[in-house]
Amino acid sequence: MPTTPTAPADAAPTPVDLRAVIFDVDGTLADTELNGHLPAFNQAFAEAGLGWHWSAPEYLRLLAIAGGKERMIHYARTQHPDVAARADFAELITHLHQEKTRHYAARAAAGATPLRPGIRRLLDEIADAGLTAAIATTTTLANVHALLRAQLGAGGEKRFAVIGAGDSVARKKPAPDIYQWVLAELGLSSEACLAIEDSAIGVAAARAAGLPVVVTAHAGSIGEDFSGARTVLDGLGDPAPSEGARALAGTPPADHAVTLADLRRWHAESVR
């Protein structure tokens, strides 16, 4: 009776092929932070008569706190304890976040939050190759839908097999929970996926969930600690000479712009 051959005990493990690319949203898919979220927060603050106004540098510092509600709670407790002590503080934060989300959606629909160079092209490459695209973000599902529909057209969110957003999990990045949730929904191991992030807390979340990570930093995140990332870039780039991708740390793309072949190479280097 034939037997199934077994590999020697010391044989190298079989590499895991890349099957899904999981994207962060804010700062990764699109330039949303300063063009969308910040003015939406400030508009909500003004309408509530709080006298709060976040400058761009202040907001970029506050991004170390993941989640809009969590960010406002932290700000109130550290800068305006009188507001944090109000009996209706929880209701105030909920109201502010709802209004901010409404203002953000309006700005996204008006085209204020464009996709970063290379995103649309890379999504097409992923789909054409039969791979899966997914999202792991701390922003709300409403914000994600507003962005994707404005930039990718009606039903743009359907380009992603799974969208992990907002309150899908209790703990926000840098906790690994949102990535673990997305992996469970995809039915894939962390070794079969690659994360694309733009921030240190995003890298920490993905790595804690066991995913290899590529960073596409931007002006607001360059200089953060991206320890654990496979490579750090200033963007994905596009074929136009003015939109090339530059490696800030790690292995550069093979050519002018990041392609699916580059993602597969970085993934293979991470899981072998």
Protein backbone atom coordinates (compact mmCIF):
# COMPACT_ATOMS: atom_id res chain seq x y z
CA MET A 1 0.00 0.00 0.00
CA PRO A 2 1.56 3.37 -1.01
CA THR A 3 2.48 5.72 1.76
CA THR A 4 2.57 9.50 1.81
CA PRO A 5 6.16 10.73 1.93
CA THR A 6 7.00 12.94 4.87
CA ALA A 7 9.44 15.81 4.92
CA PRO A 8 12.60 15.46 7.01
CA ALA A 9 12.26 16.94 10.47
CA ASP A 10 14.84 19.60 9.66
CA ALA A 11 13.31 20.60 6.30
CA ALA A 12 12.64 24.29 5.79
CA PRO A 13 8.96 25.24 6.16
CA THR A 14 7.05 25.92 2.98
CA PRO A 15 6.71 29.68 2.42
CA VAL A 16 3.19 31.06 2.76
CA ASP A 17 1.91 32.85 -0.34
CA LEU A 18 0.47 36.33 -0.03
CA ARG A 19 -3.31 36.11 -0.21
CA ALA A 20 -4.57 39.43 1.18
CA VAL A 21 -3.39 43.01 1.58
CA ILE A 22 -4.91 44.84 4.55
CA PHE A 23 -4.93 48.64 4.37
CA ASP A 24 -5.24 51.25 7.06
CA VAL A 25 -7.40 54.19 5.92
CA ASP A 26 -6.52 57.60 7.37
CA GLY A 27 -3.17 58.68 5.98
CA THR A 28 -2.69 55.37 4.16
CA LEU A 29 -5.47 55.14 1.61
CA ALA A 30 -6.04 58.88 1.49
CA ASP A 31 -4.89 62.24 2.81
CA THR A 32 -7.76 62.47 5.27
CA GLU A 33 -6.28 63.80 8.49
CA LEU A 34 -5.57 67.47 7.79
CA ASN A 35 -7.95 67.82 4.84
CA GLY A 36 -10.92 65.97 6.32
CA HIS A 37 -10.88 65.04 9.99
CA LEU A 38 -9.22 68.15 11.44
CA PRO A 39 -11.60 70.73 9.91
CA ALA A 40 -14.54 68.45 10.74
CA PHE A 41 -13.50 68.31 14.41
CA ASN A 42 -13.04 72.08 14.56
CA GLN A 43 -16.43 72.67 12.94
CA ALA A 44 -18.10 70.43 15.51
CA PHE A 45 -16.28 72.21 18.35
CA ALA A 46 -17.35 75.63 17.07
CA GLU A 47 -20.98 74.61 16.71
CA ALA A 48 -20.97 73.29 20.29
CA GLY A 49 -19.62 76.61 21.57
CA LEU A 50 -16.68 74.98 23.34
CA GLY A 51 -14.02 77.43 22.24
CA TRP A 52 -11.77 74.53 21.23
CA HIS A 53 -9.72 74.74 18.05
CA TRP A 54 -7.02 72.26 17.10
CA SER A 55 -4.09 73.54 15.04
CA ALA A 56 -2.47 71.21 12.52
CA PRO A 57 0.64 70.56 14.69
CA GLU A 58 -1.54 69.93 17.75
CA TYR A 59 -3.78 67.54 15.82
CA LEU A 60 -0.81 65.59 14.48
CA ARG A 61 0.39 65.12 18.06
CA LEU A 62 -3.08 63.98 19.11
CA LEU A 63 -3.00 61.26 16.45
CA ALA A 64 -0.95 59.25 18.93
CA ILE A 65 -4.38 58.60 20.50
CA ALA A 66 -6.30 56.27 18.20
CA GLY A 67 -10.01 56.90 17.69
CA GLY A 68 -11.87 60.20 17.43
CA LYS A 69 -13.85 59.83 20.64
CA GLU A 70 -10.80 58.66 22.55
CA ARG A 71 -8.83 61.63 21.18
CA MET A 72 -11.45 64.13 22.38
CA ILE A 73 -11.68 62.47 25.80
CA HIS A 74 -7.90 62.64 26.20
CA TYR A 75 -7.83 66.27 25.10
CA ALA A 76 -10.62 67.29 27.47
CA ARG A 77 -9.11 65.50 30.45
CA THR A 78 -5.64 66.97 29.90
CA GLN A 79 -6.49 70.46 28.61
CA HIS A 80 -10.04 71.21 29.76
CA PRO A 81 -10.76 69.26 32.97
CA ASP A 82 -13.77 71.48 33.63
CA VAL A 83 -15.43 70.09 30.50
CA ALA A 84 -14.38 66.54 31.37
CA ALA A 85 -16.03 66.99 34.78
CA ARG A 86 -19.42 67.87 33.30
CA ALA A 87 -22.24 65.50 34.19
CA ASP A 88 -23.11 65.20 30.51
CA PHE A 89 -19.52 64.65 29.35
CA ALA A 90 -20.17 61.22 27.81
CA GLU A 91 -23.21 62.55 25.94
CA LEU A 92 -21.20 65.58 24.79
CA ILE A 93 -18.44 63.40 23.33
CA THR A 94 -21.00 61.23 21.55
CA HIS A 95 -22.70 64.31 20.09
CA LEU A 96 -19.42 65.90 19.01
CA HIS A 97 -18.33 62.69 17.31
CA GLN A 98 -21.63 62.36 15.47
CA GLU A 99 -21.41 65.94 14.22
CA LYS A 100 -17.76 65.56 13.30
CA THR A 101 -18.59 62.41 11.30
CA ARG A 102 -21.33 64.29 9.46
CA HIS A 103 -19.00 67.14 8.57
CA TYR A 104 -16.27 64.72 7.49
CA ALA A 105 -18.67 62.83 5.21
CA ALA A 106 -19.65 66.11 3.55
CA ARG A 107 -16.02 67.04 2.97
CA ALA A 108 -15.21 63.58 1.60
CA ALA A 109 -18.19 63.72 -0.75
CA ALA A 110 -16.92 67.09 -2.00
CA GLY A 111 -13.56 65.54 -2.90
CA ALA A 112 -11.49 67.06 -0.08
CA THR A 113 -9.81 63.75 0.80
CA PRO A 114 -8.13 62.35 -2.35
CA LEU A 115 -6.58 58.90 -2.51
CA ARG A 116 -2.81 58.88 -2.14
CA PRO A 117 -0.84 58.30 -5.35
CA GLY A 118 -0.69 54.63 -6.32
CA ILE A 119 -3.65 53.42 -4.26
CA ARG A 120 -6.12 53.02 -7.12
CA ARG A 121 -3.48 51.36 -9.31
CA LEU A 122 -2.44 48.93 -6.57
CA LEU A 123 -6.05 48.01 -5.79
CA ASP A 124 -6.50 47.17 -9.48
CA GLU A 125 -3.37 45.00 -9.44
CA ILE A 126 -4.55 43.15 -6.34
CA ALA A 127 -7.97 42.47 -7.87
CA ASP A 128 -6.54 41.43 -11.24
CA ALA A 129 -4.26 38.91 -9.51
CA GLY A 130 -7.17 37.36 -7.61
CA LEU A 131 -5.89 38.51 -4.23
CA THR A 132 -8.05 40.05 -1.52
CA ALA A 133 -8.03 43.63 -0.29
CA ALA A 134 -9.29 44.45 3.21
CA ILE A 135 -9.32 47.36 5.65
CA ALA A 136 -8.30 47.63 9.32
CA THR A 137 -8.94 51.10 10.72
CA THR A 138 -10.06 52.88 13.87
CA THR A 139 -12.25 55.39 12.04
CA THR A 140 -15.99 54.82 11.74
CA LEU A 141 -17.60 52.71 9.04
CA ALA A 142 -19.53 55.80 7.92
CA ASN A 143 -16.26 57.65 7.34
CA VAL A 144 -14.81 54.74 5.38
CA HIS A 145 -17.88 54.47 3.16
CA ALA A 146 -17.93 58.23 2.55
CA LEU A 147 -14.30 58.21 1.45
CA LEU A 148 -14.50 55.11 -0.74
CA ARG A 149 -17.71 56.13 -2.47
CA ALA A 150 -16.35 59.61 -3.20
CA GLN A 151 -13.02 58.36 -4.55
CA LEU A 152 -13.90 54.96 -6.06
CA GLY A 153 -17.51 55.58 -7.05
CA ALA A 154 -20.81 54.12 -5.86
CA GLY A 155 -20.16 50.79 -4.19
CA GLY A 156 -16.47 51.62 -3.80
CA GLU A 157 -16.44 49.85 -0.45
CA LYS A 158 -17.11 46.57 -2.29
CA ARG A 159 -13.51 46.65 -3.53
CA PHE A 160 -12.66 45.40 -0.02
CA ALA A 161 -13.73 41.93 1.11
CA VAL A 162 -13.70 42.90 4.80
CA ILE A 163 -13.78 46.33 6.45
CA GLY A 164 -12.82 46.37 10.10
CA ALA A 165 -13.68 49.84 11.39
CA GLY A 166 -14.70 51.93 14.37
CA ASP A 167 -16.33 49.89 17.06
CA SER A 168 -15.77 46.44 15.53
CA VAL A 169 -13.49 45.85 18.52
CA ALA A 170 -13.20 47.35 21.99
CA ARG A 171 -9.50 48.22 21.92
CA LYS A 172 -8.09 50.55 19.28
CA LYS A 173 -4.61 50.51 17.74
CA PRO A 174 -1.87 49.97 18.90
CA ALA A 175 -3.72 46.95 20.30
CA PRO A 176 -3.86 44.14 17.70
CA ASP A 177 -7.62 43.61 18.03
CA ILE A 178 -8.77 45.19 14.76
CA TYR A 179 -6.28 43.14 12.76
CA GLN A 180 -7.24 39.98 14.61
CA TRP A 181 -10.90 40.72 13.83
CA VAL A 182 -10.17 41.24 10.12
CA LEU A 183 -8.09 38.05 9.95
CA ALA A 184 -10.94 36.08 11.53
CA GLU A 185 -13.43 37.54 9.04
CA LEU A 186 -11.11 36.71 6.14
CA GLY A 187 -10.43 33.22 7.47
CA LEU A 188 -6.70 33.72 6.89
CA SER A 189 -3.58 33.45 9.00
CA SER A 190 -1.48 36.51 9.66
CA GLU A 191 1.35 34.95 7.62
CA ALA A 192 -0.86 34.99 4.50
CA CYS A 193 -1.43 38.74 4.73
CA LEU A 194 0.49 42.00 4.47
CA ALA A 195 -0.49 45.24 6.20
CA ILE A 196 0.03 48.71 4.76
CA GLU A 197 0.16 51.41 7.43
CA ASP A 198 1.26 55.02 7.83
CA SER A 199 1.81 55.41 11.59
CA ALA A 200 3.76 53.94 14.47
CA ILE A 201 0.61 52.85 16.30
CA GLY A 202 -0.61 51.14 13.13
CA VAL A 203 2.67 49.28 12.74
CA ALA A 204 2.53 48.22 16.39
CA ALA A 205 -1.02 46.90 15.97
CA ALA A 206 -0.22 44.92 12.83
CA ARG A 207 2.99 43.46 14.22
CA ALA A 208 1.27 42.49 17.48
CA ALA A 209 -1.22 40.54 15.35
CA GLY A 210 1.65 38.81 13.55
CA LEU A 211 1.42 40.60 10.19
CA PRO A 212 4.35 41.85 8.15
CA VAL A 213 4.02 45.58 7.51
CA VAL A 214 4.96 48.05 4.81
CA VAL A 215 4.79 51.72 5.81
CA THR A 216 3.80 54.54 3.47
CA ALA A 217 4.67 57.51 5.65
CA HIS A 218 3.57 61.09 5.04
CA ALA A 219 4.57 64.55 6.22
CA GLY A 220 2.74 64.06 9.51
CA SER A 221 4.26 60.67 10.36
CA ILE A 222 7.80 60.76 8.94
CA GLY A 223 10.15 60.47 11.89
CA GLU A 224 7.92 58.17 13.94
CA ASP A 225 9.32 54.89 15.25
CA PHE A 226 8.48 52.28 12.61
CA SER A 227 10.43 49.47 14.25
CA GLY A 228 9.25 46.11 12.99
CA ALA A 229 8.19 47.30 9.54
CA ARG A 230 9.65 45.44 6.56
CA THR A 231 10.21 48.68 4.65
CA VAL A 232 9.31 52.35 5.08
CA LEU A 233 8.42 54.45 2.04
CA ASP A 234 7.26 58.01 1.47
CA GLY A 235 4.34 56.64 -0.56
CA LEU A 236 3.43 54.03 -3.16
CA GLY A 237 4.24 56.25 -6.09
CA ASP A 238 2.84 56.21 -9.59
CA PRO A 239 4.53 55.85 -12.99
CA ALA A 240 4.78 59.63 -13.44
CA PRO A 241 8.35 60.77 -12.61
CA SER A 242 7.03 63.29 -10.09
CA GLU A 243 5.22 60.57 -8.13
CA GLY A 244 8.01 58.04 -7.51
CA ALA A 245 8.24 56.04 -4.28
CA ARG A 246 11.32 56.64 -2.13
CA ALA A 247 12.51 54.18 0.52
CA LEU A 248 13.18 55.85 3.88
CA ALA A 249 14.26 52.57 5.50
CA GLY A 250 14.48 48.98 4.34
CA THR A 251 14.32 47.60 0.82
CA PRO A 252 13.20 49.97 -1.95
CA PRO A 253 10.72 49.02 -4.67
CA ALA A 254 12.22 47.38 -7.76
CA ASP A 255 11.27 50.29 -9.97
CA HIS A 256 9.82 53.80 -9.87
CA ALA A 257 6.58 52.86 -8.08
CA VAL A 258 5.44 50.11 -5.71
CA THR A 259 3.73 47.22 -7.48
CA LEU A 260 2.10 43.99 -6.36
CA ALA A 261 5.37 42.25 -7.22
CA ASP A 262 7.10 44.42 -4.62
CA LEU A 263 4.46 43.58 -2.02
CA ARG A 264 4.90 39.88 -2.75
CA ARG A 265 8.69 40.19 -2.41
CA TRP A 266 8.49 42.07 0.90
CA HIS A 267 5.92 39.59 2.18
CA ALA A 268 8.09 36.61 1.21
CA GLU A 269 11.12 38.18 2.91
CA SER A 270 9.06 38.58 6.08
CA VAL A 271 7.56 35.09 6.36
CA ARG A 272 10.32 32.85 5.02
